[in-house]
Amino acid sequence: MVPYVADCLGLQGLQKGICRFLYDQVNPDAEIPGDRVDLRLCPPFQGRVQVFYSAVATFCTPSDQSGVGGMRHEIIRAMPSWQGGPPHYDCIYVAKGGMETEGFCSLMVGRVRLFFSCV
């Protein structure tokens, strides 16, 4: 199923990306991260993937809009077709690296192309 999903979305590196992710999960203290290790050292993944078109992020944001100490949620979409039209892929902020950098400089901008779980 991974090759089919990768082909539909034009994500040819999806299979390798999953294997590299699994390497990082199995070897959290490895000196070489999964994105730099030889692919032959990564655990193979031949399972199925379950695709989702949206996810809900819930977080604490003490602001005027949500009240002091308030919780907020946002729906993040990765839709192959939005209301019968073209695709809709939301942009997100992604935390980069460790805790060395504070504030907005610790974030990168990304576009969500796919939500999936490995089965």
PDB file of N, CA and C in Angstrom:
ATOM      1  N   MET A   1       0.818  -1.199   0.000  1.00  0.00           N
ATOM      2  CA  MET A   1       0.000   0.000   0.000  1.00  0.00           C
ATOM      3  C   MET A   1       0.866   1.269   0.000  1.00  0.00           C
ATOM      4  N   VAL A   2       2.063   1.224   0.604  1.00  0.00           N
ATOM      5  CA  VAL A   2       2.921   2.409   0.637  1.00  0.00           C
ATOM      6  C   VAL A   2       3.268   2.875  -0.780  1.00  0.00           C
ATOM      7  N   PRO A   3       3.672   1.987  -1.694  1.00  0.00           N
ATOM      8  CA  PRO A   3       3.972   2.457  -3.051  1.00  0.00           C
ATOM      9  C   PRO A   3       2.767   3.124  -3.730  1.00  0.00           C
ATOM     10  N   TYR A   4       1.572   2.614  -3.479  1.00  0.00           N
ATOM     11  CA  TYR A   4       0.366   3.197  -4.072  1.00  0.00           C
ATOM     12  C   TYR A   4       0.130   4.612  -3.547  1.00  0.00           C
ATOM     13  N   VAL A   5       0.205   4.786  -2.224  1.00  0.00           N
ATOM     14  CA  VAL A   5       0.009   6.105  -1.614  1.00  0.00           C
ATOM     15  C   VAL A   5       1.090   7.068  -2.092  1.00  0.00           C
ATOM     16  N   ALA A   6       2.337   6.607  -2.122  1.00  0.00           N
ATOM     17  CA  ALA A   6       3.445   7.450  -2.566  1.00  0.00           C
ATOM     18  C   ALA A   6       3.249   7.888  -4.016  1.00  0.00           C
ATOM     19  N   ASP A   7       2.793   6.978  -4.862  1.00  0.00           N
ATOM     20  CA  ASP A   7       2.573   7.297  -6.269  1.00  0.00           C
ATOM     21  C   ASP A   7       1.429   8.300  -6.436  1.00  0.00           C
ATOM     22  N   CYS A   8       0.345   8.115  -5.703  1.00  0.00           N
ATOM     23  CA  CYS A   8      -0.809   9.014  -5.806  1.00  0.00           C
ATOM     24  C   CYS A   8      -0.453  10.440  -5.399  1.00  0.00           C
ATOM     25  N   LEU A   9       0.405  10.591  -4.404  1.00  0.00           N
ATOM     26  CA  LEU A   9       0.752  11.919  -3.899  1.00  0.00           C
ATOM     27  C   LEU A   9       2.073  12.458  -4.438  1.00  0.00           C
ATOM     28  N   GLY A  10       2.743  11.677  -5.261  1.00  0.00           N
ATOM     29  CA  GLY A  10       4.026  12.121  -5.792  1.00  0.00           C
ATOM     30  C   GLY A  10       5.107  12.181  -4.724  1.00  0.00           C
ATOM     31  N   LEU A  11       5.039  11.283  -3.755  1.00  0.00           N
ATOM     32  CA  LEU A  11       6.018  11.229  -2.658  1.00  0.00           C
ATOM     33  C   LEU A  11       6.864   9.970  -2.814  1.00  0.00           C
ATOM     34  N   GLN A  12       7.745   9.961  -3.801  1.00  0.00           N
ATOM     35  CA  GLN A  12       8.518   8.758  -4.106  1.00  0.00           C
ATOM     36  C   GLN A  12       9.417   8.317  -2.956  1.00  0.00           C
ATOM     37  N   GLY A  13       9.798   9.182  -2.042  1.00  0.00           N
ATOM     38  CA  GLY A  13      10.664   8.810  -0.925  1.00  0.00           C
ATOM     39  C   GLY A  13       9.921   8.345   0.312  1.00  0.00           C
ATOM     40  N   LEU A  14       8.615   8.100   0.211  1.00  0.00           N
ATOM     41  CA  LEU A  14       7.819   7.740   1.390  1.00  0.00           C
ATOM     42  C   LEU A  14       8.283   6.437   2.025  1.00  0.00           C
ATOM     43  N   GLN A  15       8.501   5.391   1.229  1.00  0.00           N
ATOM     44  CA  GLN A  15       8.932   4.091   1.760  1.00  0.00           C
ATOM     45  C   GLN A  15      10.261   4.229   2.511  1.00  0.00           C
ATOM     46  N   LYS A  16      11.222   4.908   1.920  1.00  0.00           N
ATOM     47  CA  LYS A  16      12.519   5.111   2.569  1.00  0.00           C
ATOM     48  C   LYS A  16      12.366   5.963   3.826  1.00  0.00           C
ATOM     49  N   GLY A  17      11.505   6.974   3.763  1.00  0.00           N
ATOM     50  CA  GLY A  17      11.276   7.834   4.919  1.00  0.00           C
ATOM     51  C   GLY A  17      10.711   7.072   6.098  1.00  0.00           C
ATOM     52  N   ILE A  18       9.793   6.144   5.841  1.00  0.00           N
ATOM     53  CA  ILE A  18       9.229   5.323   6.915  1.00  0.00           C
ATOM     54  C   ILE A  18      10.316   4.446   7.529  1.00  0.00           C
ATOM     55  N   CYS A  19      11.140   3.832   6.700  1.00  0.00           N
ATOM     56  CA  CYS A  19      12.217   2.974   7.210  1.00  0.00           C
ATOM     57  C   CYS A  19      13.201   3.780   8.053  1.00  0.00           C
ATOM     58  N   ARG A  20      13.531   4.972   7.611  1.00  0.00           N
ATOM     59  CA  ARG A  20      14.460   5.821   8.368  1.00  0.00           C
ATOM     60  C   ARG A  20      13.832   6.285   9.689  1.00  0.00           C
ATOM     61  N   PHE A  21      12.538   6.578   9.664  1.00  0.00           N
ATOM     62  CA  PHE A  21      11.824   6.932  10.888  1.00  0.00           C
ATOM     63  C   PHE A  21      11.852   5.769  11.876  1.00  0.00           C
ATOM     64  N   LEU A  22      11.603   4.552  11.381  1.00  0.00           N
ATOM     65  CA  LEU A  22      11.633   3.374  12.248  1.00  0.00           C
ATOM     66  C   LEU A  22      13.018   3.165  12.845  1.00  0.00           C
ATOM     67  N   TYR A  23      14.063   3.442  12.069  1.00  0.00           N
ATOM     68  CA  TYR A  23      15.431   3.342  12.592  1.00  0.00           C
ATOM     69  C   TYR A  23      15.608   4.271  13.793  1.00  0.00           C
ATOM     70  N   ASP A  24      15.133   5.513  13.660  1.00  0.00           N
ATOM     71  CA  ASP A  24      15.242   6.468  14.768  1.00  0.00           C
ATOM     72  C   ASP A  24      14.453   6.008  15.994  1.00  0.00           C
ATOM     73  N   GLN A  25      13.311   5.366  15.776  1.00  0.00           N
ATOM     74  CA  GLN A  25      12.503   4.889  16.897  1.00  0.00           C
ATOM     75  C   GLN A  25      13.157   3.718  17.615  1.00  0.00           C
ATOM     76  N   VAL A  26      13.779   2.826  16.847  1.00  0.00           N
ATOM     77  CA  VAL A  26      14.437   1.652  17.423  1.00  0.00           C
ATOM     78  C   VAL A  26      15.785   2.024  18.052  1.00  0.00           C
ATOM     79  N   ASN A  27      16.444   3.045  17.511  1.00  0.00           N
ATOM     80  CA  ASN A  27      17.782   3.461  17.973  1.00  0.00           C
ATOM     81  C   ASN A  27      17.778   4.927  18.413  1.00  0.00           C
ATOM     82  N   PRO A  28      17.080   5.267  19.493  1.00  0.00           N
ATOM     83  CA  PRO A  28      16.970   6.678  19.877  1.00  0.00           C
ATOM     84  C   PRO A  28      18.301   7.318  20.282  1.00  0.00           C
ATOM     85  N   ASP A  29      19.274   6.521  20.698  1.00  0.00           N
ATOM     86  CA  ASP A  29      20.565   7.064  21.137  1.00  0.00           C
ATOM     87  C   ASP A  29      21.669   6.876  20.101  1.00  0.00           C
ATOM     88  N   ALA A  30      21.301   6.570  18.861  1.00  0.00           N
ATOM     89  CA  ALA A  30      22.299   6.335  17.818  1.00  0.00           C
ATOM     90  C   ALA A  30      23.084   7.610  17.530  1.00  0.00           C
ATOM     91  N   GLU A  31      24.379   7.448  17.257  1.00  0.00           N
ATOM     92  CA  GLU A  31      25.215   8.600  16.936  1.00  0.00           C
ATOM     93  C   GLU A  31      24.869   9.182  15.566  1.00  0.00           C
ATOM     94  N   ILE A  32      24.426   8.321  14.657  1.00  0.00           N
ATOM     95  CA  ILE A  32      24.057   8.761  13.309  1.00  0.00           C
ATOM     96  C   ILE A  32      22.534   8.694  13.201  1.00  0.00           C
ATOM     97  N   PRO A  33      21.868   9.830  12.910  1.00  0.00           N
ATOM     98  CA  PRO A  33      20.406   9.808  12.794  1.00  0.00           C
ATOM     99  C   PRO A  33      19.945   9.047  11.559  1.00  0.00           C
ATOM    100  N   GLY A  34      18.691   8.616  11.559  1.00  0.00           N
ATOM    101  CA  GLY A  34      18.133   7.819  10.479  1.00  0.00           C
ATOM    102  C   GLY A  34      18.219   8.459   9.112  1.00  0.00           C
ATOM    103  N   ASP A  35      18.149   9.790   9.035  1.00  0.00           N
ATOM    104  CA  ASP A  35      18.196  10.428   7.723  1.00  0.00           C
ATOM    105  C   ASP A  35      19.594  10.426   7.116  1.00  0.00           C
ATOM    106  N   ARG A  36      20.613   9.997   7.900  1.00  0.00           N
ATOM    107  CA  ARG A  36      21.985   9.939   7.375  1.00  0.00           C
ATOM    108  C   ARG A  36      22.568   8.531   7.350  1.00  0.00           C
ATOM    109  N   VAL A  37      21.867   7.585   7.941  1.00  0.00           N
ATOM    110  CA  VAL A  37      22.390   6.221   8.024  1.00  0.00           C
ATOM    111  C   VAL A  37      22.132   5.483   6.712  1.00  0.00           C
ATOM    112  N   ASP A  38      22.962   4.491   6.425  1.00  0.00           N
ATOM    113  CA  ASP A  38      22.793   3.646   5.245  1.00  0.00           C
ATOM    114  C   ASP A  38      21.428   2.969   5.338  1.00  0.00           C
ATOM    115  N   LEU A  39      20.652   3.026   4.278  1.00  0.00           N
ATOM    116  CA  LEU A  39      19.294   2.483   4.263  1.00  0.00           C
ATOM    117  C   LEU A  39      19.260   0.991   4.580  1.00  0.00           C
ATOM    118  N   ARG A  40      20.347   0.272   4.295  1.00  0.00           N
ATOM    119  CA  ARG A  40      20.381  -1.178   4.582  1.00  0.00           C
ATOM    120  C   ARG A  40      20.359  -1.457   6.079  1.00  0.00           C
ATOM    121  N   LEU A  41      20.700  -0.465   6.912  1.00  0.00           N
ATOM    122  CA  LEU A  41      20.679  -0.628   8.364  1.00  0.00           C
ATOM    123  C   LEU A  41      19.311  -0.325   8.969  1.00  0.00           C
ATOM    124  N   CYS A  42      18.415   0.215   8.165  1.00  0.00           N
ATOM    125  CA  CYS A  42      17.084   0.576   8.650  1.00  0.00           C
ATOM    126  C   CYS A  42      16.165  -0.642   8.627  1.00  0.00           C
ATOM    127  N   PRO A  43      15.260  -0.741   9.604  1.00  0.00           N
ATOM    128  CA  PRO A  43      14.307  -1.857   9.585  1.00  0.00           C
ATOM    129  C   PRO A  43      13.368  -1.736   8.383  1.00  0.00           C
ATOM    130  N   PRO A  44      13.116  -2.838   7.690  1.00  0.00           N
ATOM    131  CA  PRO A  44      12.208  -2.773   6.539  1.00  0.00           C
ATOM    132  C   PRO A  44      10.764  -2.600   7.007  1.00  0.00           C
ATOM    133  N   PHE A  45       9.971  -1.945   6.191  1.00  0.00           N
ATOM    134  CA  PHE A  45       8.537  -1.830   6.480  1.00  0.00           C
ATOM    135  C   PHE A  45       7.765  -2.290   5.259  1.00  0.00           C
ATOM    136  N   GLN A  46       7.028  -3.368   5.411  1.00  0.00           N
ATOM    137  CA  GLN A  46       6.218  -3.915   4.324  1.00  0.00           C
ATOM    138  C   GLN A  46       4.743  -3.922   4.693  1.00  0.00           C
ATOM    139  N   GLY A  47       4.396  -3.237   5.785  1.00  0.00           N
ATOM    140  CA  GLY A  47       3.010  -3.225   6.249  1.00  0.00           C
ATOM    141  C   GLY A  47       2.135  -2.271   5.449  1.00  0.00           C
ATOM    142  N   ARG A  48       0.955  -2.087   5.951  1.00  0.00           N
ATOM    143  CA  ARG A  48      -0.006  -1.184   5.329  1.00  0.00           C
ATOM    144  C   ARG A  48       0.056   0.175   6.007  1.00  0.00           C
ATOM    145  N   VAL A  49      -0.446   1.181   5.337  1.00  0.00           N
ATOM    146  CA  VAL A  49      -0.607   2.492   5.945  1.00  0.00           C
ATOM    147  C   VAL A  49      -2.088   2.859   5.897  1.00  0.00           C
ATOM    148  N   GLN A  50      -2.528   3.527   6.936  1.00  0.00           N
ATOM    149  CA  GLN A  50      -3.896   4.013   6.989  1.00  0.00           C
ATOM    150  C   GLN A  50      -3.822   5.532   6.825  1.00  0.00           C
ATOM    151  N   VAL A  51      -4.521   6.072   5.834  1.00  0.00           N
ATOM    152  CA  VAL A  51      -4.441   7.484   5.482  1.00  0.00           C
ATOM    153  C   VAL A  51      -5.585   8.251   6.134  1.00  0.00           C
ATOM    154  N   PHE A  52      -5.258   9.456   6.638  1.00  0.00           N
ATOM    155  CA  PHE A  52      -6.249  10.352   7.235  1.00  0.00           C
ATOM    156  C   PHE A  52      -6.156  11.699   6.528  1.00  0.00           C
ATOM    157  N   TYR A  53      -7.279  12.382   6.382  1.00  0.00           N
ATOM    158  CA  TYR A  53      -7.301  13.652   5.676  1.00  0.00           C
ATOM    159  C   TYR A  53      -7.256  14.863   6.598  1.00  0.00           C
ATOM    160  N   SER A  54      -7.327  14.629   7.906  1.00  0.00           N
ATOM    161  CA  SER A  54      -7.224  15.743   8.842  1.00  0.00           C
ATOM    162  C   SER A  54      -6.803  15.218  10.207  1.00  0.00           C
ATOM    163  N   ALA A  55      -6.334  16.147  11.025  1.00  0.00           N
ATOM    164  CA  ALA A  55      -5.969  15.834  12.407  1.00  0.00           C
ATOM    165  C   ALA A  55      -6.293  17.061  13.245  1.00  0.00           C
ATOM    166  N   VAL A  56      -6.505  16.846  14.528  1.00  0.00           N
ATOM    167  CA  VAL A  56      -6.785  17.947  15.443  1.00  0.00           C
ATOM    168  C   VAL A  56      -5.601  18.114  16.375  1.00  0.00           C
ATOM    169  N   ALA A  57      -5.064  19.325  16.417  1.00  0.00           N
ATOM    170  CA  ALA A  57      -3.986  19.657  17.352  1.00  0.00           C
ATOM    171  C   ALA A  57      -4.607  20.429  18.505  1.00  0.00           C
ATOM    172  N   THR A  58      -4.384  19.953  19.728  1.00  0.00           N
ATOM    173  CA  THR A  58      -4.889  20.620  20.922  1.00  0.00           C
ATOM    174  C   THR A  58      -3.701  21.104  21.729  1.00  0.00           C
ATOM    175  N   PHE A  59      -3.732  22.355  22.147  1.00  0.00           N
ATOM    176  CA  PHE A  59      -2.590  22.934  22.840  1.00  0.00           C
ATOM    177  C   PHE A  59      -3.041  24.048  23.772  1.00  0.00           C
ATOM    178  N   CYS A  60      -2.179  24.365  24.716  1.00  0.00           N
ATOM    179  CA  CYS A  60      -2.437  25.438  25.672  1.00  0.00           C
ATOM    180  C   CYS A  60      -1.906  26.747  25.104  1.00  0.00           C
ATOM    181  N   THR A  61      -2.729  27.764  25.084  1.00  0.00           N
ATOM    182  CA  THR A  61      -2.315  29.067  24.596  1.00  0.00           C
ATOM    183  C   THR A  61      -2.888  30.149  25.493  1.00  0.00           C
ATOM    184  N   PRO A  62      -2.120  30.594  26.457  1.00  0.00           N
ATOM    185  CA  PRO A  62      -2.630  31.612  27.385  1.00  0.00           C
ATOM    186  C   PRO A  62      -2.687  32.984  26.709  1.00  0.00           C
ATOM    187  N   SER A  63      -3.754  33.219  26.000  1.00  0.00           N
ATOM    188  CA  SER A  63      -3.911  34.491  25.290  1.00  0.00           C
ATOM    189  C   SER A  63      -5.293  35.058  25.554  1.00  0.00           C
ATOM    190  N   ASP A  64      -5.513  36.264  25.110  1.00  0.00           N
ATOM    191  CA  ASP A  64      -6.821  36.900  25.287  1.00  0.00           C
ATOM    192  C   ASP A  64      -7.909  36.148  24.534  1.00  0.00           C
ATOM    193  N   GLN A  65      -7.552  35.598  23.389  1.00  0.00           N
ATOM    194  CA  GLN A  65      -8.534  34.947  22.539  1.00  0.00           C
ATOM    195  C   GLN A  65      -9.135  33.698  23.196  1.00  0.00           C
ATOM    196  N   SER A  66      -8.305  32.920  23.884  1.00  0.00           N
ATOM    197  CA  SER A  66      -8.813  31.685  24.481  1.00  0.00           C
ATOM    198  C   SER A  66      -8.903  31.766  25.992  1.00  0.00           C
ATOM    199  N   GLY A  67      -8.591  32.906  26.566  1.00  0.00           N
ATOM    200  CA  GLY A  67      -8.660  33.053  28.018  1.00  0.00           C
ATOM    201  C   GLY A  67      -7.349  32.624  28.647  1.00  0.00           C
ATOM    202  N   VAL A  68      -7.043  33.161  29.802  1.00  0.00           N
ATOM    203  CA  VAL A  68      -5.798  32.845  30.490  1.00  0.00           C
ATOM    204  C   VAL A  68      -5.761  31.356  30.817  1.00  0.00           C
ATOM    205  N   GLY A  69      -4.692  30.692  30.391  1.00  0.00           N
ATOM    206  CA  GLY A  69      -4.556  29.256  30.644  1.00  0.00           C
ATOM    207  C   GLY A  69      -5.496  28.408  29.813  1.00  0.00           C
ATOM    208  N   GLY A  70      -6.075  28.977  28.759  1.00  0.00           N
ATOM    209  CA  GLY A  70      -7.074  28.274  27.959  1.00  0.00           C
ATOM    210  C   GLY A  70      -6.491  27.271  26.985  1.00  0.00           C
ATOM    211  N   MET A  71      -7.301  26.278  26.673  1.00  0.00           N
ATOM    212  CA  MET A  71      -6.927  25.282  25.666  1.00  0.00           C
ATOM    213  C   MET A  71      -7.542  25.690  24.336  1.00  0.00           C
ATOM    214  N   ARG A  72      -6.833  25.375  23.290  1.00  0.00           N
ATOM    215  CA  ARG A  72      -7.284  25.706  21.943  1.00  0.00           C
ATOM    216  C   ARG A  72      -7.051  24.487  21.059  1.00  0.00           C
ATOM    217  N   HIS A  73      -7.847  24.361  20.016  1.00  0.00           N
ATOM    218  CA  HIS A  73      -7.608  23.283  19.054  1.00  0.00           C
ATOM    219  C   HIS A  73      -7.744  23.825  17.640  1.00  0.00           C
ATOM    220  N   GLU A  74      -6.977  23.232  16.763  1.00  0.00           N
ATOM    221  CA  GLU A  74      -6.986  23.596  15.347  1.00  0.00           C
ATOM    222  C   GLU A  74      -7.091  22.323  14.526  1.00  0.00           C
ATOM    223  N   ILE A  75      -7.862  22.381  13.468  1.00  0.00           N
ATOM    224  CA  ILE A  75      -7.954  21.265  12.532  1.00  0.00           C
ATOM    225  C   ILE A  75      -6.919  21.497  11.434  1.00  0.00           C
ATOM    226  N   ILE A  76      -6.080  20.502  11.205  1.00  0.00           N
ATOM    227  CA  ILE A  76      -5.061  20.567  10.161  1.00  0.00           C
ATOM    228  C   ILE A  76      -5.500  19.617   9.055  1.00  0.00           C
ATOM    229  N   ARG A  77      -5.565  20.134   7.839  1.00  0.00           N
ATOM    230  CA  ARG A  77      -6.092  19.337   6.729  1.00  0.00           C
ATOM    231  C   ARG A  77      -5.016  19.014   5.696  1.00  0.00           C
ATOM    232  N   ALA A  78      -5.140  17.819   5.130  1.00  0.00           N
ATOM    233  CA  ALA A  78      -4.320  17.372   4.003  1.00  0.00           C
ATOM    234  C   ALA A  78      -5.278  16.641   3.055  1.00  0.00           C
ATOM    235  N   MET A  79      -6.016  17.426   2.282  1.00  0.00           N
ATOM    236  CA  MET A  79      -7.108  16.898   1.470  1.00  0.00           C
ATOM    237  C   MET A  79      -6.706  16.797  -0.008  1.00  0.00           C
ATOM    238  N   PRO A  80      -6.878  15.618  -0.619  1.00  0.00           N
ATOM    239  CA  PRO A  80      -6.564  15.493  -2.048  1.00  0.00           C
ATOM    240  C   PRO A  80      -7.521  16.306  -2.925  1.00  0.00           C
ATOM    241  N   SER A  81      -8.711  16.609  -2.391  1.00  0.00           N
ATOM    242  CA  SER A  81      -9.664  17.462  -3.105  1.00  0.00           C
ATOM    243  C   SER A  81     -10.461  18.228  -2.059  1.00  0.00           C
ATOM    244  N   TRP A  82     -10.480  19.545  -2.175  1.00  0.00           N
ATOM    245  CA  TRP A  82     -11.197  20.379  -1.211  1.00  0.00           C
ATOM    246  C   TRP A  82     -12.520  20.815  -1.824  1.00  0.00           C
ATOM    247  N   GLN A  83     -13.627  20.308  -1.279  1.00  0.00           N
ATOM    248  CA  GLN A  83     -14.985  20.619  -1.721  1.00  0.00           C
ATOM    249  C   GLN A  83     -15.151  20.419  -3.230  1.00  0.00           C
ATOM    250  N   GLY A  84     -14.637  19.283  -3.709  1.00  0.00           N
ATOM    251  CA  GLY A  84     -14.769  18.922  -5.118  1.00  0.00           C
ATOM    252  C   GLY A  84     -13.808  19.651  -6.041  1.00  0.00           C
ATOM    253  N   GLY A  85     -12.908  20.440  -5.488  1.00  0.00           N
ATOM    254  CA  GLY A  85     -11.967  21.213  -6.297  1.00  0.00           C
ATOM    255  C   GLY A  85     -10.542  20.722  -6.131  1.00  0.00           C
ATOM    256  N   PRO A  86      -9.590  21.661  -6.180  1.00  0.00           N
ATOM    257  CA  PRO A  86      -8.172  21.295  -6.081  1.00  0.00           C
ATOM    258  C   PRO A  86      -7.794  20.845  -4.672  1.00  0.00           C
ATOM    259  N   PRO A  87      -6.598  20.281  -4.500  1.00  0.00           N
ATOM    260  CA  PRO A  87      -6.160  19.827  -3.169  1.00  0.00           C
ATOM    261  C   PRO A  87      -6.020  20.993  -2.187  1.00  0.00           C
ATOM    262  N   HIS A  88      -6.043  20.647  -0.913  1.00  0.00           N
ATOM    263  CA  HIS A  88      -5.880  21.636   0.172  1.00  0.00           C
ATOM    264  C   HIS A  88      -4.904  21.052   1.187  1.00  0.00           C
ATOM    265  N   TYR A  89      -3.699  21.611   1.250  1.00  0.00           N
ATOM    266  CA  TYR A  89      -2.675  21.148   2.185  1.00  0.00           C
ATOM    267  C   TYR A  89      -2.301  22.310   3.102  1.00  0.00           C
ATOM    268  N   ASP A  90      -2.655  22.205   4.384  1.00  0.00           N
ATOM    269  CA  ASP A  90      -2.389  23.280   5.339  1.00  0.00           C
ATOM    270  C   ASP A  90      -0.904  23.433   5.631  1.00  0.00           C
ATOM    271  N   CYS A  91      -0.526  24.641   6.012  1.00  0.00           N
ATOM    272  CA  CYS A  91       0.828  24.931   6.472  1.00  0.00           C
ATOM    273  C   CYS A  91       0.856  24.837   7.994  1.00  0.00           C
ATOM    274  N   ILE A  92       1.991  24.426   8.531  1.00  0.00           N
ATOM    275  CA  ILE A  92       2.146  24.258   9.974  1.00  0.00           C
ATOM    276  C   ILE A  92       3.505  24.774  10.409  1.00  0.00           C
ATOM    277  N   TYR A  93       3.654  24.965  11.709  1.00  0.00           N
ATOM    278  CA  TYR A  93       4.955  25.234  12.311  1.00  0.00           C
ATOM    279  C   TYR A  93       5.477  23.921  12.879  1.00  0.00           C
ATOM    280  N   VAL A  94       6.765  23.662  12.667  1.00  0.00           N
ATOM    281  CA  VAL A  94       7.404  22.447  13.162  1.00  0.00           C
ATOM    282  C   VAL A  94       8.581  22.851  14.042  1.00  0.00           C
ATOM    283  N   ALA A  95       8.649  22.285  15.256  1.00  0.00           N
ATOM    284  CA  ALA A  95       9.778  22.574  16.141  1.00  0.00           C
ATOM    285  C   ALA A  95      11.021  21.909  15.574  1.00  0.00           C
ATOM    286  N   LYS A  96      12.118  22.653  15.509  1.00  0.00           N
ATOM    287  CA  LYS A  96      13.362  22.096  14.974  1.00  0.00           C
ATOM    288  C   LYS A  96      14.381  21.966  16.100  1.00  0.00           C
ATOM    289  N   GLY A  97      15.161  20.921  16.023  1.00  0.00           N
ATOM    290  CA  GLY A  97      16.253  20.737  16.971  1.00  0.00           C
ATOM    291  C   GLY A  97      15.791  20.600  18.404  1.00  0.00           C
ATOM    292  N   GLY A  98      16.701  20.927  19.303  1.00  0.00           N
ATOM    293  CA  GLY A  98      16.420  20.806  20.727  1.00  0.00           C
ATOM    294  C   GLY A  98      15.859  22.090  21.302  1.00  0.00           C
ATOM    295  N   MET A  99      16.164  22.305  22.547  1.00  0.00           N
ATOM    296  CA  MET A  99      15.627  23.439  23.277  1.00  0.00           C
ATOM    297  C   MET A  99      16.602  24.618  23.310  1.00  0.00           C
ATOM    298  N   GLU A 100      17.656  24.594  22.478  1.00  0.00           N
ATOM    299  CA  GLU A 100      18.654  25.660  22.505  1.00  0.00           C
ATOM    300  C   GLU A 100      18.074  27.000  22.064  1.00  0.00           C
ATOM    301  N   THR A 101      17.194  26.982  21.088  1.00  0.00           N
ATOM    302  CA  THR A 101      16.621  28.198  20.540  1.00  0.00           C
ATOM    303  C   THR A 101      15.228  28.401  21.109  1.00  0.00           C
ATOM    304  N   GLU A 102      14.933  29.631  21.469  1.00  0.00           N
ATOM    305  CA  GLU A 102      13.618  29.926  22.025  1.00  0.00           C
ATOM    306  C   GLU A 102      12.793  30.744  21.046  1.00  0.00           C
ATOM    307  N   GLY A 103      11.491  30.740  21.260  1.00  0.00           N
ATOM    308  CA  GLY A 103      10.598  31.575  20.482  1.00  0.00           C
ATOM    309  C   GLY A 103      10.425  31.119  19.047  1.00  0.00           C
ATOM    310  N   PHE A 104      10.085  32.081  18.204  1.00  0.00           N
ATOM    311  CA  PHE A 104       9.763  31.786  16.819  1.00  0.00           C
ATOM    312  C   PHE A 104      10.952  31.244  16.030  1.00  0.00           C
ATOM    313  N   CYS A 105      12.170  31.588  16.451  1.00  0.00           N
ATOM    314  CA  CYS A 105      13.371  31.109  15.748  1.00  0.00           C
ATOM    315  C   CYS A 105      13.553  29.595  15.882  1.00  0.00           C
ATOM    316  N   SER A 106      12.852  28.966  16.813  1.00  0.00           N
ATOM    317  CA  SER A 106      12.967  27.518  16.990  1.00  0.00           C
ATOM    318  C   SER A 106      11.990  26.757  16.092  1.00  0.00           C
ATOM    319  N   LEU A 107      11.282  27.470  15.213  1.00  0.00           N
ATOM    320  CA  LEU A 107      10.263  26.846  14.373  1.00  0.00           C
ATOM    321  C   LEU A 107      10.617  26.913  12.896  1.00  0.00           C
ATOM    322  N   MET A 108      10.142  25.909  12.163  1.00  0.00           N
ATOM    323  CA  MET A 108      10.228  25.893  10.707  1.00  0.00           C
ATOM    324  C   MET A 108       8.798  25.843  10.171  1.00  0.00           C
ATOM    325  N   VAL A 109       8.606  26.273   8.952  1.00  0.00           N
ATOM    326  CA  VAL A 109       7.300  26.208   8.313  1.00  0.00           C
ATOM    327  C   VAL A 109       7.274  24.975   7.427  1.00  0.00           C
ATOM    328  N   GLY A 110       6.186  24.233   7.487  1.00  0.00           N
ATOM    329  CA  GLY A 110       6.037  23.044   6.652  1.00  0.00           C
ATOM    330  C   GLY A 110       4.644  22.979   6.070  1.00  0.00           C
ATOM    331  N   ARG A 111       4.482  22.168   5.044  1.00  0.00           N
ATOM    332  CA  ARG A 111       3.167  21.933   4.462  1.00  0.00           C
ATOM    333  C   ARG A 111       2.833  20.458   4.627  1.00  0.00           C
ATOM    334  N   VAL A 112       1.661  20.192   5.189  1.00  0.00           N
ATOM    335  CA  VAL A 112       1.229  18.817   5.443  1.00  0.00           C
ATOM    336  C   VAL A 112       0.701  18.219   4.149  1.00  0.00           C
ATOM    337  N   ARG A 113       1.328  17.138   3.715  1.00  0.00           N
ATOM    338  CA  ARG A 113       0.887  16.450   2.503  1.00  0.00           C
ATOM    339  C   ARG A 113       0.115  15.181   2.818  1.00  0.00           C
ATOM    340  N   LEU A 114       0.305  14.646   4.034  1.00  0.00           N
ATOM    341  CA  LEU A 114      -0.301  13.346   4.338  1.00  0.00           C
ATOM    342  C   LEU A 114      -0.263  13.088   5.836  1.00  0.00           C
ATOM    343  N   PHE A 115      -1.347  12.589   6.368  1.00  0.00           N
ATOM    344  CA  PHE A 115      -1.378  12.015   7.714  1.00  0.00           C
ATOM    345  C   PHE A 115      -1.568  10.517   7.529  1.00  0.00           C
ATOM    346  N   PHE A 116      -0.766   9.723   8.209  1.00  0.00           N
ATOM    347  CA  PHE A 116      -0.933   8.283   8.080  1.00  0.00           C
ATOM    348  C   PHE A 116      -0.445   7.589   9.341  1.00  0.00           C
ATOM    349  N   SER A 117      -0.905   6.370   9.526  1.00  0.00           N
ATOM    350  CA  SER A 117      -0.374   5.525  10.582  1.00  0.00           C
ATOM    351  C   SER A 117       0.051   4.211   9.945  1.00  0.00           C
ATOM    352  N   CYS A 118       1.098   3.633  10.489  1.00  0.00           N
ATOM    353  CA  CYS A 118       1.616   2.357   9.987  1.00  0.00           C
ATOM    354  C   CYS A 118       0.890   1.230  10.703  1.00  0.00           C
ATOM    355  N   VAL A 119       0.381   0.294   9.926  1.00  0.00           N
ATOM    356  CA  VAL A 119      -0.382  -0.833  10.494  1.00  0.00           C
ATOM    357  C   VAL A 119       0.388  -2.113  10.247  1.00  0.00           C
TER     358      VAL A 119
END
